[in-house]
């Protein structure tokens, strides 16, 4: 996840002069640690980038449902295939 942020997301944000102030994640092991007073590499990376990490357990639909709906709108709006042939999606050149 750190590599994805470092090599994909952060350069894209710099290109478009955007900034992430807060990021919401679930309490899975990819994003956080269950150890008392423990640090996670991902949380440390976000802190170094001045991004506030907000962590909820995955069973909070009031937090994650709006995020899922928002990403669904983005997917439907911006990532539609050009045309469909059988079971494969094709892109025009």
PDB file of N, CA and C in Angstrom:
ATOM      1  N   UNK A   1       0.819  -1.176   0.000  1.00  0.00           N
ATOM      2  CA  UNK A   1       0.000   0.000   0.000  1.00  0.00           C
ATOM      3  C   UNK A   1       0.876   1.258   0.000  1.00  0.00           C
ATOM      4  N   UNK A   2       1.985   1.208   0.700  1.00  0.00           N
ATOM      5  CA  UNK A   2       2.884   2.366   0.730  1.00  0.00           C
ATOM      6  C   UNK A   2       3.421   2.641  -0.668  1.00  0.00           C
ATOM      7  N   UNK A   3       3.821   1.600  -1.375  1.00  0.00           N
ATOM      8  CA  UNK A   3       4.339   1.786  -2.734  1.00  0.00           C
ATOM      9  C   UNK A   3       3.269   2.363  -3.654  1.00  0.00           C
ATOM     10  N   UNK A   4       2.035   1.911  -3.506  1.00  0.00           N
ATOM     11  CA  UNK A   4       0.946   2.449  -4.319  1.00  0.00           C
ATOM     12  C   UNK A   4       0.779   3.941  -4.054  1.00  0.00           C
ATOM     13  N   UNK A   5       0.800   4.330  -2.803  1.00  0.00           N
ATOM     14  CA  UNK A   5       0.680   5.755  -2.464  1.00  0.00           C
ATOM     15  C   UNK A   5       1.889   6.531  -2.989  1.00  0.00           C
ATOM     16  N   UNK A   6       3.080   5.995  -2.764  1.00  0.00           N
ATOM     17  CA  UNK A   6       4.308   6.699  -3.118  1.00  0.00           C
ATOM     18  C   UNK A   6       4.478   6.865  -4.625  1.00  0.00           C
ATOM     19  N   UNK A   7       4.187   5.805  -5.379  1.00  0.00           N
ATOM     20  CA  UNK A   7       4.498   5.832  -6.808  1.00  0.00           C
ATOM     21  C   UNK A   7       3.310   6.134  -7.719  1.00  0.00           C
ATOM     22  N   UNK A   8       2.097   6.026  -7.220  1.00  0.00           N
ATOM     23  CA  UNK A   8       0.918   6.278  -8.048  1.00  0.00           C
ATOM     24  C   UNK A   8       0.131   7.506  -7.580  1.00  0.00           C
ATOM     25  N   UNK A   9      -0.299   7.486  -6.334  1.00  0.00           N
ATOM     26  CA  UNK A   9      -1.199   8.524  -5.840  1.00  0.00           C
ATOM     27  C   UNK A   9      -0.486   9.859  -5.621  1.00  0.00           C
ATOM     28  N   UNK A  10       0.629   9.856  -4.913  1.00  0.00           N
ATOM     29  CA  UNK A  10       1.310  11.113  -4.580  1.00  0.00           C
ATOM     30  C   UNK A  10       1.797  11.860  -5.824  1.00  0.00           C
ATOM     31  N   UNK A  11       2.406  11.190  -6.814  1.00  0.00           N
ATOM     32  CA  UNK A  11       2.793  11.920  -8.034  1.00  0.00           C
ATOM     33  C   UNK A  11       1.582  12.504  -8.777  1.00  0.00           C
ATOM     34  N   UNK A  12       0.485  11.767  -8.795  1.00  0.00           N
ATOM     35  CA  UNK A  12      -0.729  12.262  -9.435  1.00  0.00           C
ATOM     36  C   UNK A  12      -1.246  13.510  -8.717  1.00  0.00           C
ATOM     37  N   UNK A  13      -1.231  13.484  -7.413  1.00  0.00           N
ATOM     38  CA  UNK A  13      -1.668  14.652  -6.641  1.00  0.00           C
ATOM     39  C   UNK A  13      -0.779  15.852  -6.917  1.00  0.00           C
ATOM     40  N   UNK A  14       0.529  15.627  -6.957  1.00  0.00           N
ATOM     41  CA  UNK A  14       1.449  16.738  -7.251  1.00  0.00           C
ATOM     42  C   UNK A  14       1.206  17.292  -8.654  1.00  0.00           C
ATOM     43  N   UNK A  15       0.964  16.417  -9.603  1.00  0.00           N
ATOM     44  CA  UNK A  15       0.719  16.845 -10.982  1.00  0.00           C
ATOM     45  C   UNK A  15      -0.479  17.786 -11.063  1.00  0.00           C
ATOM     46  N   UNK A  16      -1.540  17.463 -10.335  1.00  0.00           N
ATOM     47  CA  UNK A  16      -2.766  18.261 -10.390  1.00  0.00           C
ATOM     48  C   UNK A  16      -2.873  19.265  -9.245  1.00  0.00           C
ATOM     49  N   UNK A  17      -1.783  19.436  -8.503  1.00  0.00           N
ATOM     50  CA  UNK A  17      -1.741  20.392  -7.388  1.00  0.00           C
ATOM     51  C   UNK A  17      -2.863  20.141  -6.384  1.00  0.00           C
ATOM     52  N   UNK A  18      -3.028  18.873  -6.033  1.00  0.00           N
ATOM     53  CA  UNK A  18      -4.029  18.466  -5.051  1.00  0.00           C
ATOM     54  C   UNK A  18      -3.333  17.965  -3.800  1.00  0.00           C
ATOM     55  N   UNK A  19      -4.078  17.932  -2.704  1.00  0.00           N
ATOM     56  CA  UNK A  19      -3.514  17.486  -1.438  1.00  0.00           C
ATOM     57  C   UNK A  19      -4.554  16.650  -0.701  1.00  0.00           C
ATOM     58  N   UNK A  20      -4.104  15.605  -0.037  1.00  0.00           N
ATOM     59  CA  UNK A  20      -4.969  14.805   0.826  1.00  0.00           C
ATOM     60  C   UNK A  20      -4.722  15.277   2.257  1.00  0.00           C
ATOM     61  N   UNK A  21      -5.778  15.716   2.919  1.00  0.00           N
ATOM     62  CA  UNK A  21      -5.665  16.112   4.324  1.00  0.00           C
ATOM     63  C   UNK A  21      -6.002  14.948   5.249  1.00  0.00           C
ATOM     64  N   UNK A  22      -7.027  14.177   4.882  1.00  0.00           N
ATOM     65  CA  UNK A  22      -7.502  13.067   5.701  1.00  0.00           C
ATOM     66  C   UNK A  22      -7.744  11.866   4.809  1.00  0.00           C
ATOM     67  N   UNK A  23      -7.463  10.696   5.344  1.00  0.00           N
ATOM     68  CA  UNK A  23      -7.764   9.464   4.622  1.00  0.00           C
ATOM     69  C   UNK A  23      -8.463   8.516   5.588  1.00  0.00           C
ATOM     70  N   UNK A  24      -9.541   7.905   5.126  1.00  0.00           N
ATOM     71  CA  UNK A  24     -10.326   6.984   5.947  1.00  0.00           C
ATOM     72  C   UNK A  24     -10.004   5.563   5.499  1.00  0.00           C
ATOM     73  N   UNK A  25      -9.627   4.731   6.446  1.00  0.00           N
ATOM     74  CA  UNK A  25      -9.342   3.325   6.152  1.00  0.00           C
ATOM     75  C   UNK A  25     -10.022   2.453   7.193  1.00  0.00           C
ATOM     76  N   UNK A  26     -10.086   1.158   6.894  1.00  0.00           N
ATOM     77  CA  UNK A  26     -10.601   0.236   7.906  1.00  0.00           C
ATOM     78  C   UNK A  26      -9.443  -0.273   8.748  1.00  0.00           C
ATOM     79  N   UNK A  27      -9.757  -1.043   9.760  1.00  0.00           N
ATOM     80  CA  UNK A  27      -8.725  -1.503  10.698  1.00  0.00           C
ATOM     81  C   UNK A  27      -8.048  -2.792  10.253  1.00  0.00           C
ATOM     82  N   UNK A  28      -8.004  -3.044   8.957  1.00  0.00           N
ATOM     83  CA  UNK A  28      -7.330  -4.255   8.491  1.00  0.00           C
ATOM     84  C   UNK A  28      -5.823  -4.108   8.680  1.00  0.00           C
ATOM     85  N   UNK A  29      -5.122  -5.208   8.645  1.00  0.00           N
ATOM     86  CA  UNK A  29      -3.691  -5.202   8.902  1.00  0.00           C
ATOM     87  C   UNK A  29      -2.893  -4.463   7.841  1.00  0.00           C
ATOM     88  N   UNK A  30      -3.478  -4.216   6.670  1.00  0.00           N
ATOM     89  CA  UNK A  30      -2.767  -3.437   5.654  1.00  0.00           C
ATOM     90  C   UNK A  30      -2.602  -1.986   6.067  1.00  0.00           C
ATOM     91  N   UNK A  31      -3.517  -1.496   6.916  1.00  0.00           N
ATOM     92  CA  UNK A  31      -3.554  -0.074   7.244  1.00  0.00           C
ATOM     93  C   UNK A  31      -3.246   0.259   8.690  1.00  0.00           C
ATOM     94  N   UNK A  32      -3.371  -0.686   9.600  1.00  0.00           N
ATOM     95  CA  UNK A  32      -3.209  -0.359  11.011  1.00  0.00           C
ATOM     96  C   UNK A  32      -2.692  -1.566  11.783  1.00  0.00           C
ATOM     97  N   UNK A  33      -2.389  -1.320  13.037  1.00  0.00           N
ATOM     98  CA  UNK A  33      -1.931  -2.395  13.913  1.00  0.00           C
ATOM     99  C   UNK A  33      -2.855  -2.493  15.111  1.00  0.00           C
ATOM    100  N   UNK A  34      -2.983  -3.692  15.655  1.00  0.00           N
ATOM    101  CA  UNK A  34      -3.813  -3.896  16.837  1.00  0.00           C
ATOM    102  C   UNK A  34      -2.975  -3.799  18.113  1.00  0.00           C
ATOM    103  N   UNK A  35      -1.673  -3.650  17.960  1.00  0.00           N
ATOM    104  CA  UNK A  35      -0.808  -3.586  19.125  1.00  0.00           C
ATOM    105  C   UNK A  35      -1.012  -2.271  19.864  1.00  0.00           C
ATOM    106  N   UNK A  36      -1.112  -2.360  21.159  1.00  0.00           N
ATOM    107  CA  UNK A  36      -1.221  -1.148  21.959  1.00  0.00           C
ATOM    108  C   UNK A  36       0.085  -0.366  21.832  1.00  0.00           C
ATOM    109  N   UNK A  37      -0.035   0.891  21.540  1.00  0.00           N
ATOM    110  CA  UNK A  37       1.108   1.798  21.309  1.00  0.00           C
ATOM    111  C   UNK A  37       1.986   1.337  20.142  1.00  0.00           C
ATOM    112  N   UNK A  38       1.445   0.505  19.275  1.00  0.00           N
ATOM    113  CA  UNK A  38       2.199   0.053  18.115  1.00  0.00           C
ATOM    114  C   UNK A  38       2.040   1.011  16.943  1.00  0.00           C
ATOM    115  N   UNK A  39       3.036   1.037  16.086  1.00  0.00           N
ATOM    116  CA  UNK A  39       2.992   1.858  14.879  1.00  0.00           C
ATOM    117  C   UNK A  39       2.963   0.954  13.657  1.00  0.00           C
ATOM    118  N   UNK A  40       2.284   1.410  12.641  1.00  0.00           N
ATOM    119  CA  UNK A  40       2.207   0.678  11.385  1.00  0.00           C
ATOM    120  C   UNK A  40       2.974   1.488  10.341  1.00  0.00           C
ATOM    121  N   UNK A  41       3.666   0.830   9.441  1.00  0.00           N
ATOM    122  CA  UNK A  41       4.460   1.535   8.425  1.00  0.00           C
ATOM    123  C   UNK A  41       3.598   2.455   7.570  1.00  0.00           C
ATOM    124  N   UNK A  42       2.391   2.020   7.253  1.00  0.00           N
ATOM    125  CA  UNK A  42       1.491   2.836   6.431  1.00  0.00           C
ATOM    126  C   UNK A  42       1.092   4.112   7.176  1.00  0.00           C
ATOM    127  N   UNK A  43       0.751   3.971   8.451  1.00  0.00           N
ATOM    128  CA  UNK A  43       0.400   5.135   9.269  1.00  0.00           C
ATOM    129  C   UNK A  43       1.593   6.081   9.385  1.00  0.00           C
ATOM    130  N   UNK A  44       2.776   5.523   9.575  1.00  0.00           N
ATOM    131  CA  UNK A  44       3.988   6.350   9.646  1.00  0.00           C
ATOM    132  C   UNK A  44       4.217   7.095   8.339  1.00  0.00           C
ATOM    133  N   UNK A  45       4.010   6.416   7.205  1.00  0.00           N
ATOM    134  CA  UNK A  45       4.183   7.050   5.906  1.00  0.00           C
ATOM    135  C   UNK A  45       3.201   8.206   5.739  1.00  0.00           C
ATOM    136  N   UNK A  46       1.937   7.981   6.084  1.00  0.00           N
ATOM    137  CA  UNK A  46       0.939   9.041   5.971  1.00  0.00           C
ATOM    138  C   UNK A  46       1.297  10.225   6.856  1.00  0.00           C
ATOM    139  N   UNK A  47       1.765   9.940   8.051  1.00  0.00           N
ATOM    140  CA  UNK A  47       2.163  11.017   8.964  1.00  0.00           C
ATOM    141  C   UNK A  47       3.292  11.858   8.359  1.00  0.00           C
ATOM    142  N   UNK A  48       4.255  11.213   7.731  1.00  0.00           N
ATOM    143  CA  UNK A  48       5.359  11.942   7.086  1.00  0.00           C
ATOM    144  C   UNK A  48       4.874  12.796   5.920  1.00  0.00           C
ATOM    145  N   UNK A  49       3.743  12.401   5.314  1.00  0.00           N
ATOM    146  CA  UNK A  49       3.164  13.154   4.196  1.00  0.00           C
ATOM    147  C   UNK A  49       2.144  14.185   4.679  1.00  0.00           C
ATOM    148  N   UNK A  50       2.032  14.367   5.991  1.00  0.00           N
ATOM    149  CA  UNK A  50       1.054  15.283   6.602  1.00  0.00           C
ATOM    150  C   UNK A  50      -0.385  14.918   6.256  1.00  0.00           C
ATOM    151  N   UNK A  51      -0.667  13.623   6.225  1.00  0.00           N
ATOM    152  CA  UNK A  51      -2.015  13.121   5.972  1.00  0.00           C
ATOM    153  C   UNK A  51      -2.538  12.502   7.260  1.00  0.00           C
ATOM    154  N   UNK A  52      -3.690  12.966   7.713  1.00  0.00           N
ATOM    155  CA  UNK A  52      -4.299  12.445   8.921  1.00  0.00           C
ATOM    156  C   UNK A  52      -5.034  11.150   8.592  1.00  0.00           C
ATOM    157  N   UNK A  53      -4.649  10.079   9.243  1.00  0.00           N
ATOM    158  CA  UNK A  53      -5.274   8.777   9.019  1.00  0.00           C
ATOM    159  C   UNK A  53      -6.401   8.583  10.021  1.00  0.00           C
ATOM    160  N   UNK A  54      -7.599   8.323   9.513  1.00  0.00           N
ATOM    161  CA  UNK A  54      -8.763   8.065  10.350  1.00  0.00           C
ATOM    162  C   UNK A  54      -9.142   6.612  10.129  1.00  0.00           C
ATOM    163  N   UNK A  55      -9.165   5.824  11.202  1.00  0.00           N
ATOM    164  CA  UNK A  55      -9.355   4.385  11.094  1.00  0.00           C
ATOM    165  C   UNK A  55     -10.638   3.974  11.808  1.00  0.00           C
ATOM    166  N   UNK A  56     -11.479   3.215  11.099  1.00  0.00           N
ATOM    167  CA  UNK A  56     -12.713   2.663  11.649  1.00  0.00           C
ATOM    168  C   UNK A  56     -12.720   1.168  11.396  1.00  0.00           C
ATOM    169  N   UNK A  57     -13.436   0.433  12.235  1.00  0.00           N
ATOM    170  CA  UNK A  57     -13.622  -0.976  11.926  1.00  0.00           C
ATOM    171  C   UNK A  57     -14.591  -1.077  10.742  1.00  0.00           C
ATOM    172  N   UNK A  58     -14.492  -2.144  10.003  1.00  0.00           N
ATOM    173  CA  UNK A  58     -15.256  -2.290   8.758  1.00  0.00           C
ATOM    174  C   UNK A  58     -16.762  -2.409   8.994  1.00  0.00           C
ATOM    175  N   UNK A  59     -17.186  -2.602  10.230  1.00  0.00           N
ATOM    176  CA  UNK A  59     -18.614  -2.764  10.497  1.00  0.00           C
ATOM    177  C   UNK A  59     -19.321  -1.435  10.802  1.00  0.00           C
ATOM    178  N   UNK A  60     -18.807  -0.339  10.269  1.00  0.00           N
ATOM    179  CA  UNK A  60     -19.430   0.975  10.413  1.00  0.00           C
ATOM    180  C   UNK A  60     -20.017   1.417   9.066  1.00  0.00           C
ATOM    181  N   UNK A  61     -21.223   0.954   8.724  1.00  0.00           N
ATOM    182  CA  UNK A  61     -21.793   1.304   7.420  1.00  0.00           C
ATOM    183  C   UNK A  61     -22.012   2.801   7.246  1.00  0.00           C
ATOM    184  N   UNK A  62     -22.233   3.529   8.347  1.00  0.00           N
ATOM    185  CA  UNK A  62     -22.442   4.971   8.223  1.00  0.00           C
ATOM    186  C   UNK A  62     -21.188   5.686   7.734  1.00  0.00           C
ATOM    187  N   UNK A  63     -20.035   5.052   7.881  1.00  0.00           N
ATOM    188  CA  UNK A  63     -18.773   5.618   7.395  1.00  0.00           C
ATOM    189  C   UNK A  63     -18.484   5.129   5.980  1.00  0.00           C
ATOM    190  N   UNK A  64     -18.565   3.829   5.778  1.00  0.00           N
ATOM    191  CA  UNK A  64     -18.108   3.251   4.524  1.00  0.00           C
ATOM    192  C   UNK A  64     -19.153   3.230   3.414  1.00  0.00           C
ATOM    193  N   UNK A  65     -20.428   3.219   3.727  1.00  0.00           N
ATOM    194  CA  UNK A  65     -21.461   3.201   2.696  1.00  0.00           C
ATOM    195  C   UNK A  65     -21.379   4.432   1.786  1.00  0.00           C
ATOM    196  N   UNK A  66     -21.283   5.659   2.333  1.00  0.00           N
ATOM    197  CA  UNK A  66     -21.142   6.812   1.436  1.00  0.00           C
ATOM    198  C   UNK A  66     -19.873   6.745   0.575  1.00  0.00           C
ATOM    199  N   UNK A  67     -18.791   6.212   1.129  1.00  0.00           N
ATOM    200  CA  UNK A  67     -17.554   6.081   0.350  1.00  0.00           C
ATOM    201  C   UNK A  67     -17.729   5.075  -0.785  1.00  0.00           C
ATOM    202  N   UNK A  68     -18.395   3.958  -0.492  1.00  0.00           N
ATOM    203  CA  UNK A  68     -18.653   2.966  -1.540  1.00  0.00           C
ATOM    204  C   UNK A  68     -19.552   3.539  -2.630  1.00  0.00           C
ATOM    205  N   UNK A  69     -20.561   4.295  -2.231  1.00  0.00           N
ATOM    206  CA  UNK A  69     -21.454   4.905  -3.215  1.00  0.00           C
ATOM    207  C   UNK A  69     -20.701   5.916  -4.077  1.00  0.00           C
ATOM    208  N   UNK A  70     -19.825   6.699  -3.456  1.00  0.00           N
ATOM    209  CA  UNK A  70     -19.035   7.687  -4.188  1.00  0.00           C
ATOM    210  C   UNK A  70     -18.103   7.013  -5.191  1.00  0.00           C
ATOM    211  N   UNK A  71     -17.395   5.977  -4.771  1.00  0.00           N
ATOM    212  CA  UNK A  71     -16.495   5.288  -5.700  1.00  0.00           C
ATOM    213  C   UNK A  71     -17.276   4.586  -6.804  1.00  0.00           C
ATOM    214  N   UNK A  72     -18.483   4.128  -6.491  1.00  0.00           N
ATOM    215  CA  UNK A  72     -19.332   3.526  -7.519  1.00  0.00           C
ATOM    216  C   UNK A  72     -19.708   4.553  -8.583  1.00  0.00           C
ATOM    217  N   UNK A  73     -20.046   5.760  -8.158  1.00  0.00           N
ATOM    218  CA  UNK A  73     -20.362   6.830  -9.109  1.00  0.00           C
ATOM    219  C   UNK A  73     -19.146   7.137  -9.973  1.00  0.00           C
ATOM    220  N   UNK A  74     -17.969   7.226  -9.353  1.00  0.00           N
ATOM    221  CA  UNK A  74     -16.743   7.479 -10.123  1.00  0.00           C
ATOM    222  C   UNK A  74     -16.492   6.384 -11.148  1.00  0.00           C
ATOM    223  N   UNK A  75     -16.636   5.137 -10.724  1.00  0.00           N
ATOM    224  CA  UNK A  75     -16.410   4.016 -11.646  1.00  0.00           C
ATOM    225  C   UNK A  75     -17.397   4.061 -12.806  1.00  0.00           C
ATOM    226  N   UNK A  76     -18.658   4.301 -12.508  1.00  0.00           N
ATOM    227  CA  UNK A  76     -19.673   4.330 -13.568  1.00  0.00           C
ATOM    228  C   UNK A  76     -19.491   5.515 -14.503  1.00  0.00           C
ATOM    229  N   UNK A  77     -19.003   6.615 -13.982  1.00  0.00           N
ATOM    230  CA  UNK A  77     -18.880   7.837 -14.786  1.00  0.00           C
ATOM    231  C   UNK A  77     -17.603   7.863 -15.628  1.00  0.00           C
ATOM    232  N   UNK A  78     -16.481   7.442 -15.044  1.00  0.00           N
ATOM    233  CA  UNK A  78     -15.190   7.651 -15.694  1.00  0.00           C
ATOM    234  C   UNK A  78     -14.512   6.388 -16.208  1.00  0.00           C
ATOM    235  N   UNK A  79     -14.968   5.220 -15.808  1.00  0.00           N
ATOM    236  CA  UNK A  79     -14.272   3.999 -16.210  1.00  0.00           C
ATOM    237  C   UNK A  79     -15.181   3.051 -16.971  1.00  0.00           C
ATOM    238  N   UNK A  80     -15.974   3.589 -17.866  1.00  0.00           N
ATOM    239  CA  UNK A  80     -16.833   2.750 -18.681  1.00  0.00           C
ATOM    240  C   UNK A  80     -16.059   2.253 -19.895  1.00  0.00           C
ATOM    241  N   UNK A  81     -16.288   0.999 -20.269  1.00  0.00           N
ATOM    242  CA  UNK A  81     -15.630   0.494 -21.481  1.00  0.00           C
ATOM    243  C   UNK A  81     -16.182   1.198 -22.712  1.00  0.00           C
ATOM    244  N   UNK A  82     -15.382   1.236 -23.761  1.00  0.00           N
ATOM    245  CA  UNK A  82     -15.808   1.878 -24.997  1.00  0.00           C
ATOM    246  C   UNK A  82     -16.876   1.031 -25.679  1.00  0.00           C
ATOM    247  N   UNK A  83     -16.666  -0.257 -25.769  1.00  0.00           N
ATOM    248  CA  UNK A  83     -17.699  -1.148 -26.282  1.00  0.00           C
ATOM    249  C   UNK A  83     -17.465  -2.532 -25.712  1.00  0.00           C
ATOM    250  N   UNK A  84     -18.485  -3.373 -25.826  1.00  0.00           N
ATOM    251  CA  UNK A  84     -18.458  -4.699 -25.241  1.00  0.00           C
ATOM    252  C   UNK A  84     -18.637  -5.721 -26.349  1.00  0.00           C
ATOM    253  N   UNK A  85     -17.769  -6.733 -26.374  1.00  0.00           N
ATOM    254  CA  UNK A  85     -17.872  -7.795 -27.369  1.00  0.00           C
ATOM    255  C   UNK A  85     -17.768  -9.126 -26.640  1.00  0.00           C
ATOM    256  N   UNK A  86     -18.871  -9.841 -26.547  1.00  0.00           N
ATOM    257  CA  UNK A  86     -18.875 -11.091 -25.801  1.00  0.00           C
ATOM    258  C   UNK A  86     -18.600 -10.830 -24.337  1.00  0.00           C
ATOM    259  N   UNK A  87     -17.631 -11.517 -23.793  1.00  0.00           N
ATOM    260  CA  UNK A  87     -17.264 -11.331 -22.387  1.00  0.00           C
ATOM    261  C   UNK A  87     -16.063 -10.423 -22.225  1.00  0.00           C
ATOM    262  N   UNK A  88     -15.546  -9.868 -23.319  1.00  0.00           N
ATOM    263  CA  UNK A  88     -14.348  -9.021 -23.236  1.00  0.00           C
ATOM    264  C   UNK A  88     -14.724  -7.568 -23.469  1.00  0.00           C
ATOM    265  N   UNK A  89     -14.072  -6.688 -22.745  1.00  0.00           N
ATOM    266  CA  UNK A  89     -14.220  -5.259 -22.971  1.00  0.00           C
ATOM    267  C   UNK A  89     -13.062  -4.809 -23.852  1.00  0.00           C
ATOM    268  N   UNK A  90     -13.364  -4.035 -24.856  1.00  0.00           N
ATOM    269  CA  UNK A  90     -12.342  -3.555 -25.776  1.00  0.00           C
ATOM    270  C   UNK A  90     -12.262  -2.034 -25.714  1.00  0.00           C
ATOM    271  N   UNK A  91     -11.097  -1.499 -25.934  1.00  0.00           N
ATOM    272  CA  UNK A  91     -10.915  -0.058 -25.992  1.00  0.00           C
ATOM    273  C   UNK A  91     -10.635   0.367 -27.423  1.00  0.00           C
ATOM    274  N   UNK A  92     -11.122   1.531 -27.781  1.00  0.00           N
ATOM    275  CA  UNK A  92     -10.808   2.028 -29.114  1.00  0.00           C
ATOM    276  C   UNK A  92      -9.422   2.641 -29.085  1.00  0.00           C
ATOM    277  N   UNK A  93      -8.772   2.661 -30.229  1.00  0.00           N
ATOM    278  CA  UNK A  93      -7.413   3.185 -30.308  1.00  0.00           C
ATOM    279  C   UNK A  93      -7.401   4.694 -30.339  1.00  0.00           C
TER     280      UNK A  93
END
